[in-house]
Amino acid sequence: MVNLGVDFGSTYTMVAIYENGEPKTVQPSHLTFHYPSIVCYDEQKDKYFYGTSARDKLGKKGIIGFRGFKMLLNHQMSEEMLKERNYGGKHTPEFITAFFLRSIIQNTLKKLNQDKVDLLVIGAPECWFQSIRTIDARGVLRDICLGFKDLVNRVELRSEPTDAAAFCVWNYEKENQSNFDGKILVVDYGGGTLDTALVSVNRIDDKVQIKPEMLSGIGENSEREIGKAGIAYQEAVVRKAIAEALGISGSEIETGPSFDRAVKEFEDTLITDCEFVDETFEDFAAVPHQLKDEKFITVSYEGEEVDINFAQMKQAYNETIFPQLQRVLDESSESLAADEKPYLALVGGFCNFYLVREQIQNHFQMGEFNSRVKTLFHKEEDREKAIAYGACLLANKVIDVCCVANFGIGMYIKYSNRDKVFMRYAINYGQEYVPDKIYFARDNDKTIAPMILTEADTFLLNFNKKPEYGFAACPKAKFAAALNKAKHDSIVVVGFSIDAAERINVHIFNYNYEADDEQYGTSIPPVATITLSTFRGSFDNLKIPKRE
């Protein structure tokens, strides 16, 4: 068996193994080290294609193309919008994602002459850890991978910028033959998401341990856009150019094979002609109004030739990307002490784009050759490979990451002799925790707070640093039935644990008046344990009750 690290990207996907003391990509072919994150369905042949073969078929007759499916796992797009992107019927984002990842894992095992993956560590966007609106996408992705029981034994999801930080530390120490000392601010900008992470590095028993101190991310879908990153930008540029060329509004432009083909032409040229892009933006920095006279490429749309110029590229950036990136960079800066200068790691394919690099460098006032930017990477291609490499190092336990809760969970409790409702957290937002250890909500005197099953009792969720921002969530039918079955005189003790796959487990104990706190989970076993795969599948969100 083998352990794998996977960077499942919105645009490209990479797989890495740890071999002969270092991480390396498992290449799909001798021509490339990544798979385009694309799936195509040939209606006539009733056959699916993925990666490069799918990319080559995009926009052809009888071919249905699927892109950006990772970012559609967060269930933020309406059925109408999904239909515009060819999703519908059995072709759900979950179905396409499962086909894509299964195909890649099977191909990787074949290339390695292995029959199974023992531990699969797969990167997840940080924005999936930040909000009740998006966190379920992480659970969906995890459950998809856990469904590959014939291919994979265990699955762990890790934050993508944390994966990248793991590789940065390993690479620094290998190249410099000295221990890394300091903090790293990772800016990971890809096809669908923008993530940042500030991490500190420690050594425990001569082993590197990374602890996230600040995590932030954006990538929520809005209207017709997938995320606020590379894909959204490419589509915005093409949509703006078509609208101006044909004299129509952007909303009149349908997302279909012709539009997909135009976006593909633009994306391909953006990658191959990056030096031309850099030189043009630099040459016209002082006279940006003249960029409209500089043509970048001509694409085809519905039989029409459409010119894309640099002014449209800059305008689309200012409208789609600049404010979002600025907000995240500001949040990152607020987490730093006034005199703190962390190492800066720019990773992800979209960080290679001139306007992104320019904005980041201007924000941090760091020159292009600043040592704290250049020290972490000695090969430019490693910026794109950093997440896959870091996931691989974590899969093989070369580097450890402290587990830090991205949400708070506990209970609202109303005691029979008091009118107020009390907030009792078992696990707090930002708390370091041990996987599978059971944590209990506690009263002010530190004793375990029992849960009295009345209408006033609900669970407590929080996705914010401030405890008072928690909100109530009432268990759905299956969850509630397990609670009622376990209750004893309407009183139970509820514990919470988070396992290695980052699933929340709710442990229900009959309340024992004479028991010591430490007996729950040891000499007193739970009468029921419920695994919460997704929040929406487990809770009905309610209005926050009056609380202390």
Protein backbone atom coordinates (compact mmCIF):
# COMPACT_ATOMS: atom_id res chain seq x y z
CA MET A 1 0.00 0.00 0.00
CA VAL A 2 0.96 3.62 -0.45
CA ASN A 3 0.13 6.98 1.16
CA LEU A 4 -0.90 9.76 -1.21
CA GLY A 5 -1.24 13.52 -1.03
CA VAL A 6 -3.73 15.12 -3.44
CA ASP A 7 -4.20 18.74 -4.40
CA PHE A 8 -7.74 18.62 -5.79
CA GLY A 9 -7.88 21.96 -7.54
CA SER A 10 -10.67 23.76 -9.35
CA THR A 11 -8.46 24.05 -12.44
CA TYR A 12 -5.78 21.38 -12.03
CA THR A 13 -5.30 18.36 -9.75
CA MET A 14 -1.98 16.86 -8.66
CA VAL A 15 -1.01 13.66 -6.85
CA ALA A 16 2.21 13.23 -4.85
CA ILE A 17 4.02 10.38 -3.09
CA TYR A 18 6.94 10.36 -0.65
CA GLU A 19 9.81 8.40 -2.15
CA ASN A 20 13.51 8.22 -1.30
CA GLY A 21 13.17 10.94 1.33
CA GLU A 22 11.34 13.54 -0.72
CA PRO A 23 7.93 14.24 -2.24
CA LYS A 24 7.39 13.84 -5.96
CA THR A 25 4.40 14.10 -8.27
CA VAL A 26 2.91 11.04 -9.91
CA GLN A 27 2.66 12.35 -13.46
CA PRO A 28 -0.34 11.49 -15.66
CA SER A 29 2.11 11.40 -18.59
CA HIS A 30 5.65 12.45 -19.42
CA LEU A 31 4.24 15.74 -20.75
CA THR A 32 2.62 17.10 -17.59
CA PHE A 33 2.63 16.79 -13.80
CA HIS A 34 -1.07 17.55 -13.28
CA TYR A 35 -4.53 16.62 -14.46
CA PRO A 36 -6.88 19.31 -15.79
CA SER A 37 -9.89 19.23 -13.43
CA ILE A 38 -12.30 18.53 -16.25
CA VAL A 39 -14.75 15.74 -17.04
CA CYS A 40 -16.52 15.23 -20.35
CA TYR A 41 -19.40 12.95 -21.29
CA ASP A 42 -19.73 11.64 -24.85
CA GLU A 43 -23.48 11.26 -25.35
CA GLN A 44 -23.17 9.06 -28.44
CA LYS A 45 -20.68 6.62 -26.91
CA ASP A 46 -22.12 6.90 -23.37
CA LYS A 47 -18.56 7.29 -22.10
CA TYR A 48 -16.83 9.63 -19.66
CA PHE A 49 -13.38 11.18 -20.01
CA TYR A 50 -11.26 13.05 -17.47
CA GLY A 51 -8.14 15.17 -17.33
CA THR A 52 -6.28 15.94 -20.56
CA SER A 53 -8.49 13.75 -22.75
CA ALA A 54 -11.56 15.57 -21.42
CA ARG A 55 -9.94 18.97 -21.93
CA ASP A 56 -9.26 18.12 -25.59
CA LYS A 57 -12.96 17.34 -26.11
CA LEU A 58 -14.38 20.52 -24.57
CA GLY A 59 -16.71 22.38 -26.91
CA LYS A 60 -16.98 19.58 -29.48
CA LYS A 61 -20.30 18.35 -30.86
CA GLY A 62 -22.07 15.74 -28.74
CA ILE A 63 -19.76 16.38 -25.77
CA ILE A 64 -21.02 17.64 -22.41
CA GLY A 65 -18.25 19.31 -20.43
CA PHE A 66 -18.02 19.75 -16.66
CA ARG A 67 -15.63 22.21 -14.98
CA GLY A 68 -15.38 23.78 -11.55
CA PHE A 69 -17.20 20.85 -9.94
CA LYS A 70 -15.16 21.08 -6.75
CA MET A 71 -16.57 24.53 -6.03
CA LEU A 72 -20.10 23.29 -6.74
CA LEU A 73 -19.97 20.82 -3.84
CA ASN A 74 -20.94 23.70 -1.54
CA HIS A 75 -24.52 23.70 -2.90
CA GLN A 76 -24.59 27.47 -3.40
CA MET A 77 -25.84 27.53 -6.97
CA SER A 78 -29.47 27.23 -7.95
CA GLU A 79 -30.66 24.37 -10.15
CA GLU A 80 -31.05 26.85 -12.98
CA MET A 81 -27.44 28.00 -12.69
CA LEU A 82 -26.22 24.40 -12.43
CA LYS A 83 -28.17 23.54 -15.55
CA GLU A 84 -26.41 26.36 -17.39
CA ARG A 85 -23.16 24.58 -16.54
CA ASN A 86 -24.50 21.22 -17.82
CA TYR A 87 -25.28 19.73 -14.41
CA GLY A 88 -28.57 17.93 -13.97
CA GLY A 89 -30.11 14.49 -13.51
CA LYS A 90 -27.42 12.03 -12.50
CA HIS A 91 -24.74 14.52 -13.52
CA THR A 92 -24.53 16.20 -10.14
CA PRO A 93 -21.30 17.87 -8.94
CA GLU A 94 -20.97 14.95 -6.47
CA PHE A 95 -21.25 12.35 -9.24
CA ILE A 96 -18.73 14.12 -11.47
CA THR A 97 -16.31 14.68 -8.58
CA ALA A 98 -16.51 11.01 -7.57
CA PHE A 99 -15.81 9.87 -11.14
CA PHE A 100 -12.90 12.29 -11.50
CA LEU A 101 -11.16 11.45 -8.22
CA ARG A 102 -11.76 7.70 -8.53
CA SER A 103 -10.25 7.76 -12.02
CA ILE A 104 -7.18 9.64 -10.82
CA ILE A 105 -6.61 7.32 -7.84
CA GLN A 106 -7.02 4.23 -10.02
CA ASN A 107 -4.57 5.63 -12.58
CA THR A 108 -2.07 6.53 -9.85
CA LEU A 109 -2.21 3.07 -8.27
CA LYS A 110 -1.69 1.50 -11.68
CA LYS A 111 1.37 3.66 -12.34
CA LEU A 112 2.81 2.82 -8.91
CA ASN A 113 1.96 -0.89 -9.25
CA GLN A 114 0.03 -0.71 -5.97
CA ASP A 115 -3.38 -2.12 -5.14
CA LYS A 116 -4.60 0.32 -2.48
CA VAL A 117 -4.03 3.65 -0.74
CA ASP A 118 -3.58 3.33 3.02
CA LEU A 119 -3.91 7.05 3.85
CA LEU A 120 -5.20 9.66 1.44
CA VAL A 121 -4.61 13.27 2.52
CA ILE A 122 -6.55 15.64 0.32
CA GLY A 123 -6.44 19.42 0.47
CA ALA A 124 -9.64 21.38 1.05
CA PRO A 125 -10.14 25.13 0.52
CA GLU A 126 -9.89 27.19 3.68
CA CYS A 127 -13.18 28.89 2.81
CA TRP A 128 -14.83 25.51 3.42
CA PHE A 129 -13.79 25.80 7.07
CA GLN A 130 -15.08 29.33 7.63
CA SER A 131 -18.86 29.35 7.31
CA ILE A 132 -22.01 27.30 7.88
CA ARG A 133 -22.79 28.08 4.22
CA THR A 134 -19.73 26.30 2.91
CA ILE A 135 -18.40 23.90 5.53
CA ASP A 136 -20.64 21.06 4.35
CA ALA A 137 -18.68 20.92 1.09
CA ARG A 138 -15.80 19.53 3.14
CA GLY A 139 -18.06 16.77 4.46
CA VAL A 140 -19.32 15.98 0.98
CA LEU A 141 -15.77 15.69 -0.38
CA ARG A 142 -14.66 13.57 2.56
CA ASP A 143 -17.61 11.19 2.17
CA ILE A 144 -16.96 10.87 -1.56
CA CYS A 145 -13.39 9.76 -0.84
CA LEU A 146 -14.46 7.46 2.00
CA GLY A 147 -16.77 5.83 -0.54
CA PHE A 148 -13.76 4.48 -2.44
CA LYS A 149 -13.49 1.55 -0.03
CA ASP A 150 -11.92 -0.69 -2.68
CA LEU A 151 -9.19 1.88 -3.28
CA VAL A 152 -8.66 3.81 -0.02
CA ASN A 153 -8.45 2.76 3.63
CA ARG A 154 -8.34 6.13 5.40
CA VAL A 155 -9.01 9.73 4.44
CA GLU A 156 -7.91 13.01 6.02
CA LEU A 157 -8.85 16.49 4.85
CA ARG A 158 -6.38 19.30 5.46
CA SER A 159 -6.55 23.01 4.77
CA GLU A 160 -4.79 23.72 1.47
CA PRO A 161 -2.63 26.60 2.79
CA THR A 162 -1.62 24.43 5.74
CA ASP A 163 -0.52 21.74 3.29
CA ALA A 164 1.51 24.35 1.43
CA ALA A 165 3.12 25.56 4.67
CA ALA A 166 4.18 22.00 5.48
CA PHE A 167 6.08 21.78 2.21
CA CYS A 168 7.60 25.26 2.67
CA VAL A 169 9.07 24.27 6.03
CA TRP A 170 10.38 20.94 4.72
CA ASN A 171 11.89 22.59 1.63
CA TYR A 172 13.53 25.39 3.64
CA GLU A 173 15.17 22.96 6.06
CA LYS A 174 16.35 20.68 3.27
CA GLU A 175 17.89 23.48 1.23
CA ASN A 176 19.39 25.42 4.14
CA GLN A 177 20.38 22.45 6.33
CA SER A 178 19.02 24.29 9.35
CA ASN A 179 15.83 24.39 11.37
CA PHE A 180 13.11 26.77 10.28
CA ASP A 181 12.45 29.48 12.84
CA GLY A 182 9.54 31.84 12.41
CA LYS A 183 6.12 32.10 10.87
CA ILE A 184 4.82 31.68 7.34
CA LEU A 185 2.00 33.60 5.74
CA VAL A 186 0.65 31.47 2.91
CA VAL A 187 -1.35 33.12 0.13
CA ASP A 188 -2.89 30.38 -1.97
CA TYR A 189 -4.75 31.60 -5.05
CA GLY A 190 -6.07 29.00 -7.44
CA GLY A 191 -8.88 28.50 -9.90
CA GLY A 192 -11.74 28.58 -7.42
CA THR A 193 -10.55 29.88 -4.07
CA LEU A 194 -8.29 32.35 -2.30
CA ASP A 195 -6.94 31.10 1.01
CA THR A 196 -4.49 32.55 3.49
CA ALA A 197 -2.94 31.00 6.57
CA LEU A 198 -0.51 32.33 9.15
CA VAL A 199 1.27 29.37 10.76
CA SER A 200 3.94 29.03 13.41
CA VAL A 201 6.52 26.27 13.35
CA ASN A 202 7.73 24.30 16.38
CA ARG A 203 9.82 21.20 16.95
CA ILE A 204 8.60 18.46 19.27
CA ASP A 205 10.85 15.44 19.78
CA ASP A 206 12.90 16.54 16.77
CA LYS A 207 9.80 16.54 14.58
CA VAL A 208 8.38 19.60 12.84
CA GLN A 209 4.92 20.62 14.00
CA ILE A 210 2.86 23.32 12.31
CA LYS A 211 0.18 25.23 14.16
CA PRO A 212 -2.29 27.44 12.27
CA GLU A 213 -2.72 30.80 14.02
CA MET A 214 -4.90 32.59 11.49
CA LEU A 215 -6.90 31.10 8.64
CA SER A 216 -9.01 32.96 6.14
CA GLY A 217 -10.53 32.23 2.78
CA ILE A 218 -13.00 33.23 0.13
CA GLY A 219 -14.45 31.20 -2.68
CA GLU A 220 -18.19 31.31 -2.31
CA ASN A 221 -20.14 31.18 -5.55
CA SER A 222 -22.29 34.17 -6.44
CA GLU A 223 -24.76 34.59 -9.24
CA ARG A 224 -23.13 32.94 -12.25
CA GLU A 225 -19.58 32.90 -10.92
CA ILE A 226 -17.62 29.97 -9.53
CA GLY A 227 -15.58 31.30 -6.65
CA LYS A 228 -13.66 34.57 -6.65
CA ALA A 229 -10.49 33.33 -8.27
CA GLY A 230 -9.01 32.12 -11.57
CA ILE A 231 -12.12 30.57 -13.12
CA ALA A 232 -14.33 33.54 -12.20
CA TYR A 233 -11.73 35.92 -13.63
CA GLN A 234 -11.31 34.05 -16.93
CA GLU A 235 -15.06 33.86 -17.44
CA ALA A 236 -15.48 37.55 -16.52
CA VAL A 237 -12.90 38.63 -19.10
CA VAL A 238 -14.45 36.54 -21.88
CA ARG A 239 -17.98 37.65 -20.95
CA LYS A 240 -16.91 41.33 -20.97
CA ALA A 241 -15.19 40.99 -24.37
CA ILE A 242 -18.17 39.21 -25.96
CA ALA A 243 -20.62 41.75 -24.57
CA GLU A 244 -18.60 44.67 -25.97
CA ALA A 245 -18.00 43.02 -29.35
CA LEU A 246 -21.64 42.02 -29.91
CA GLY A 247 -23.25 44.99 -28.19
CA ILE A 248 -25.17 42.89 -25.70
CA SER A 249 -25.28 42.65 -21.91
CA GLY A 250 -23.24 40.06 -20.07
CA SER A 251 -26.40 38.41 -18.74
CA GLU A 252 -27.44 37.53 -22.31
CA ILE A 253 -24.36 35.37 -22.81
CA GLU A 254 -25.16 31.72 -22.23
CA THR A 255 -22.71 29.35 -20.61
CA GLY A 256 -22.46 26.55 -23.15
CA PRO A 257 -20.01 24.77 -25.48
CA SER A 258 -19.19 27.93 -27.47
CA PHE A 259 -18.55 29.96 -24.31
CA ASP A 260 -16.53 27.09 -22.78
CA ARG A 261 -14.37 26.93 -25.90
CA ALA A 262 -13.72 30.68 -25.79
CA VAL A 263 -12.72 30.52 -22.10
CA LYS A 264 -10.41 27.59 -22.86
CA GLU A 265 -8.71 29.59 -25.65
CA PHE A 266 -8.20 32.53 -23.29
CA GLU A 267 -6.93 30.33 -20.44
CA ASP A 268 -4.47 28.46 -22.68
CA THR A 269 -3.01 31.70 -24.02
CA LEU A 270 -2.85 33.24 -20.55
CA ILE A 271 -0.64 30.34 -19.47
CA THR A 272 1.58 30.08 -22.54
CA ASP A 273 2.04 33.84 -23.06
CA CYS A 274 2.61 34.87 -19.44
CA GLU A 275 5.81 36.76 -20.31
CA PHE A 276 3.91 38.82 -22.90
CA VAL A 277 1.25 39.57 -20.28
CA ASP A 278 3.86 40.68 -17.74
CA GLU A 279 5.69 42.89 -20.23
CA THR A 280 2.52 44.58 -21.51
CA PHE A 281 1.14 45.44 -18.08
CA GLU A 282 4.58 46.73 -17.01
CA ASP A 283 5.01 48.84 -20.17
CA PHE A 284 1.60 50.50 -19.76
CA ALA A 285 1.65 50.87 -15.97
CA ALA A 286 1.96 54.65 -16.30
CA VAL A 287 -0.73 54.96 -19.03
CA PRO A 288 -3.32 52.28 -18.23
CA HIS A 289 -5.96 54.00 -20.42
CA GLN A 290 -3.96 52.92 -23.48
CA LEU A 291 -4.35 49.24 -22.65
CA LYS A 292 -7.55 49.14 -24.73
CA ASP A 293 -5.41 49.44 -27.87
CA GLU A 294 -3.34 46.37 -26.96
CA LYS A 295 -4.97 43.16 -28.19
CA PHE A 296 -4.21 39.98 -26.27
CA ILE A 297 -6.07 37.29 -28.23
CA THR A 298 -8.99 36.72 -30.57
CA VAL A 299 -11.48 34.02 -29.54
CA SER A 300 -14.51 32.56 -31.31
CA TYR A 301 -18.03 32.74 -29.91
CA GLU A 302 -21.12 31.52 -31.78
CA GLY A 303 -19.33 31.99 -35.11
CA GLU A 304 -18.14 35.52 -34.27
CA GLU A 305 -14.53 36.62 -33.85
CA VAL A 306 -14.08 38.42 -30.52
CA ASP A 307 -10.97 40.42 -29.61
CA ILE A 308 -9.83 40.46 -25.98
CA ASN A 309 -7.67 43.45 -25.04
CA PHE A 310 -5.62 44.25 -21.98
CA ALA A 311 -8.01 46.97 -20.80
CA GLN A 312 -10.78 44.37 -20.54
CA MET A 313 -8.42 42.11 -18.61
CA LYS A 314 -7.59 44.91 -16.17
CA GLN A 315 -11.23 46.00 -15.77
CA ALA A 316 -12.41 42.45 -15.11
CA TYR A 317 -9.64 42.09 -12.51
CA ASN A 318 -10.61 45.32 -10.74
CA GLU A 319 -14.27 44.31 -10.65
CA THR A 320 -13.98 40.58 -9.86
CA ILE A 321 -10.68 40.04 -8.04
CA PHE A 322 -9.14 43.20 -6.59
CA PRO A 323 -11.67 43.92 -3.79
CA GLN A 324 -11.85 40.28 -2.71
CA LEU A 325 -8.08 39.85 -2.59
CA GLN A 326 -7.68 43.17 -0.78
CA ARG A 327 -10.14 42.12 1.92
CA VAL A 328 -8.29 38.89 2.62
CA LEU A 329 -4.89 40.61 2.59
CA ASP A 330 -6.19 43.19 5.06
CA GLU A 331 -7.43 40.39 7.36
CA SER A 332 -4.02 38.74 7.14
CA SER A 333 -2.21 41.97 8.02
CA GLU A 334 -4.47 42.53 11.05
CA SER A 335 -3.29 39.18 12.44
CA LEU A 336 0.34 40.29 12.42
CA ALA A 337 2.06 42.23 15.15
CA ALA A 338 3.31 45.67 14.12
CA ASP A 339 6.94 44.52 13.86
CA GLU A 340 6.22 40.98 12.69
CA LYS A 341 7.66 39.99 9.32
CA PRO A 342 6.72 36.43 8.40
CA TYR A 343 8.00 34.52 5.42
CA LEU A 344 5.57 34.93 2.53
CA ALA A 345 4.61 31.90 0.41
CA LEU A 346 2.73 32.60 -2.80
CA VAL A 347 1.26 29.35 -4.07
CA GLY A 348 -1.42 28.29 -6.54
CA GLY A 349 -1.56 28.91 -10.27
CA PHE A 350 -3.37 32.26 -10.08
CA CYS A 351 -0.57 33.71 -7.93
CA ASN A 352 1.53 33.60 -11.12
CA PHE A 353 -0.74 36.15 -12.80
CA TYR A 354 0.87 39.57 -13.06
CA LEU A 355 -1.97 41.61 -11.52
CA VAL A 356 -2.24 39.26 -8.53
CA ARG A 357 1.49 39.37 -7.84
CA GLU A 358 1.50 43.16 -8.20
CA GLN A 359 -1.35 43.61 -5.72
CA ILE A 360 0.21 41.29 -3.13
CA GLN A 361 3.64 42.88 -3.40
CA ASN A 362 2.21 46.40 -3.13
CA HIS A 363 0.16 45.43 -0.10
CA PHE A 364 3.09 43.98 1.86
CA GLN A 365 5.62 46.43 0.39
CA MET A 366 7.88 43.54 -0.46
CA GLY A 367 10.04 43.69 -3.56
CA GLU A 368 9.97 40.86 -6.06
CA PHE A 369 13.32 39.52 -4.87
CA ASN A 370 12.78 39.96 -1.17
CA SER A 371 14.50 37.08 0.59
CA ARG A 372 11.45 36.26 2.67
CA VAL A 373 9.51 35.65 -0.52
CA LYS A 374 12.20 33.78 -2.44
CA THR A 375 13.70 31.63 0.34
CA LEU A 376 10.84 29.11 0.58
CA PHE A 377 10.91 28.04 -3.07
CA HIS A 378 13.98 27.26 -5.15
CA LYS A 379 12.03 26.05 -8.17
CA GLU A 380 9.17 28.16 -9.50
CA GLU A 381 7.20 25.03 -10.41
CA ASP A 382 7.14 24.10 -6.71
CA ARG A 383 4.67 26.94 -6.10
CA GLU A 384 2.08 24.96 -8.03
CA LYS A 385 3.13 21.66 -6.45
CA ALA A 386 3.33 22.91 -2.85
CA ILE A 387 -0.15 21.75 -1.76
CA ALA A 388 0.24 18.25 -3.21
CA TYR A 389 3.75 17.96 -1.78
CA GLY A 390 2.63 19.18 1.65
CA ALA A 391 -0.34 16.79 1.70
CA CYS A 392 2.06 13.97 0.85
CA LEU A 393 4.42 14.92 3.71
CA LEU A 394 1.46 14.92 6.11
CA ALA A 395 0.19 11.59 4.76
CA ASN A 396 3.57 10.04 5.50
CA LYS A 397 3.85 11.74 8.93
CA VAL A 398 7.06 13.52 7.99
CA ILE A 399 5.51 16.72 9.38
CA ASP A 400 2.67 17.08 11.89
CA VAL A 401 -0.06 19.68 11.99
CA CYS A 402 -1.78 20.68 15.22
CA CYS A 403 -5.52 20.12 15.03
CA VAL A 404 -7.30 23.43 15.57
CA ALA A 405 -11.10 23.63 15.58
CA ASN A 406 -12.58 25.75 12.81
CA PHE A 407 -15.88 25.99 14.63
CA GLY A 408 -17.23 25.94 18.16
CA ILE A 409 -19.80 23.36 19.23
CA GLY A 410 -21.71 22.86 22.45
CA MET A 411 -25.20 23.30 23.89
CA TYR A 412 -27.73 25.88 24.91
CA ILE A 413 -28.99 24.71 28.31
CA LYS A 414 -31.99 25.83 30.33
CA TYR A 415 -32.05 24.58 33.91
CA SER A 416 -35.46 23.84 35.44
CA ASN A 417 -35.03 26.30 38.32
CA ARG A 418 -33.77 29.21 36.21
CA ASP A 419 -35.29 31.17 33.34
CA LYS A 420 -32.17 32.05 31.38
CA VAL A 421 -30.62 29.96 28.61
CA PHE A 422 -26.89 29.36 29.03
CA MET A 423 -24.23 28.91 26.33
CA ARG A 424 -21.95 25.99 27.10
CA TYR A 425 -19.20 25.21 24.60
CA ALA A 426 -17.50 21.80 24.57
CA ILE A 427 -15.05 22.75 21.82
CA ASN A 428 -14.30 26.42 21.13
CA TYR A 429 -13.48 28.06 17.82
CA GLY A 430 -9.68 28.09 17.44
CA GLN A 431 -9.15 25.51 20.20
CA GLU A 432 -6.42 22.93 19.75
CA TYR A 433 -7.89 19.45 20.11
CA VAL A 434 -6.84 15.80 20.08
CA PRO A 435 -8.60 13.68 17.43
CA ASP A 436 -11.19 11.26 18.86
CA LYS A 437 -10.90 12.69 22.37
CA ILE A 438 -14.33 13.40 23.89
CA TYR A 439 -14.92 16.96 25.10
CA PHE A 440 -17.84 18.04 27.30
CA ALA A 441 -19.68 21.31 27.80
CA ARG A 442 -19.01 22.48 31.36
CA ASP A 443 -20.64 24.79 33.86
CA ASN A 444 -18.81 27.71 35.42
CA ASP A 445 -17.58 25.45 38.22
CA LYS A 446 -15.96 23.22 35.54
CA THR A 447 -18.30 20.29 36.18
CA ILE A 448 -19.94 18.62 33.20
CA ALA A 449 -23.18 20.36 32.20
CA PRO A 450 -25.93 17.78 31.68
CA MET A 451 -28.44 18.36 28.91
CA ILE A 452 -32.09 18.43 29.92
CA LEU A 453 -34.15 17.38 26.92
CA THR A 454 -36.79 20.08 26.77
CA GLU A 455 -37.92 22.38 24.01
CA ALA A 456 -35.44 24.99 25.21
CA ASP A 457 -32.44 22.73 24.63
CA THR A 458 -30.62 23.09 21.33
CA PHE A 459 -27.07 22.64 20.14
CA LEU A 460 -24.65 25.53 19.74
CA LEU A 461 -22.56 26.24 16.64
CA ASN A 462 -20.06 29.04 16.10
CA PHE A 463 -17.87 29.97 13.13
CA ASN A 464 -16.39 33.09 14.65
CA LYS A 465 -13.64 34.02 17.08
CA LYS A 466 -16.22 35.68 19.33
CA PRO A 467 -18.10 33.15 21.52
CA GLU A 468 -21.24 35.30 21.60
CA TYR A 469 -21.64 34.80 17.85
CA GLY A 470 -22.82 31.22 18.36
CA PHE A 471 -26.24 30.29 17.02
CA ALA A 472 -28.76 27.60 17.83
CA ALA A 473 -29.21 24.42 15.84
CA CYS A 474 -31.95 21.92 16.56
CA PRO A 475 -31.30 18.22 15.80
CA LYS A 476 -33.15 16.78 12.84
CA ALA A 477 -35.39 13.72 13.21
CA LYS A 478 -32.76 10.94 13.10
CA PHE A 479 -30.45 12.79 15.47
CA ALA A 480 -33.30 13.74 17.82
CA ALA A 481 -34.56 10.13 17.89
CA ALA A 482 -31.16 8.93 19.09
CA LEU A 483 -31.14 11.57 21.81
CA ASN A 484 -34.61 10.59 23.02
CA LYS A 485 -33.76 6.90 22.98
CA ALA A 486 -30.74 7.53 25.18
CA LYS A 487 -32.33 9.86 27.70
CA HIS A 488 -32.78 8.92 31.32
CA ASP A 489 -35.35 10.99 33.20
CA SER A 490 -35.00 13.55 30.42
CA ILE A 491 -31.35 14.17 31.35
CA VAL A 492 -28.33 13.09 29.32
CA VAL A 493 -24.65 13.93 29.19
CA VAL A 494 -23.46 14.87 25.72
CA GLY A 495 -19.83 14.78 24.61
CA PHE A 496 -18.27 15.83 21.33
CA SER A 497 -15.23 14.52 19.48
CA ILE A 498 -13.66 15.25 16.11
CA ASP A 499 -12.04 12.28 14.35
CA ALA A 500 -9.05 12.17 11.99
CA ALA A 501 -11.35 12.68 9.01
CA GLU A 502 -12.72 15.80 10.78
CA ARG A 503 -16.17 14.35 11.33
CA ILE A 504 -18.00 15.46 14.47
CA ASN A 505 -19.13 12.60 16.66
CA VAL A 506 -21.80 13.21 19.29
CA HIS A 507 -21.54 10.81 22.26
CA ILE A 508 -24.65 10.41 24.42
CA PHE A 509 -24.42 9.09 27.98
CA ASN A 510 -27.09 8.34 30.53
CA TYR A 511 -26.64 10.83 33.36
CA ASN A 512 -25.19 9.33 36.53
CA TYR A 513 -25.61 11.56 39.60
CA GLU A 514 -22.76 9.85 41.45
CA ALA A 515 -20.28 9.61 38.59
CA ASP A 516 -17.05 11.53 38.44
CA ASP A 517 -16.57 13.66 35.32
CA GLU A 518 -13.68 11.54 34.06
CA GLN A 519 -15.75 8.38 34.10
CA TYR A 520 -17.80 9.42 31.08
CA GLY A 521 -16.27 7.79 28.03
CA THR A 522 -14.14 5.42 30.12
CA SER A 523 -15.93 3.34 32.77
CA ILE A 524 -19.25 4.78 31.62
CA PRO A 525 -19.60 4.05 27.90
CA PRO A 526 -21.89 6.07 25.63
CA VAL A 527 -25.32 4.59 24.94
CA ALA A 528 -25.20 6.10 21.47
CA THR A 529 -22.69 7.78 19.18
CA ILE A 530 -23.89 9.77 16.20
CA THR A 531 -21.55 10.81 13.39
CA LEU A 532 -22.44 14.14 11.80
CA SER A 533 -21.36 13.96 8.17
CA THR A 534 -22.82 17.37 7.31
CA PHE A 535 -24.36 20.15 9.37
CA ARG A 536 -27.34 20.61 7.08
CA GLY A 537 -28.05 16.90 7.27
CA SER A 538 -28.00 16.95 11.07
CA PHE A 539 -29.46 20.27 12.22
CA ASP A 540 -32.34 22.62 11.61
CA ASN A 541 -31.11 26.13 12.34
CA LEU A 542 -33.30 28.10 14.71
CA LYS A 543 -33.50 31.63 16.02
CA ILE A 544 -30.97 32.17 18.77
CA PRO A 545 -32.80 32.07 22.12
CA LYS A 546 -32.33 34.60 24.90
CA ARG A 547 -29.17 33.66 26.75
CA GLU A 548 -26.94 34.70 29.60
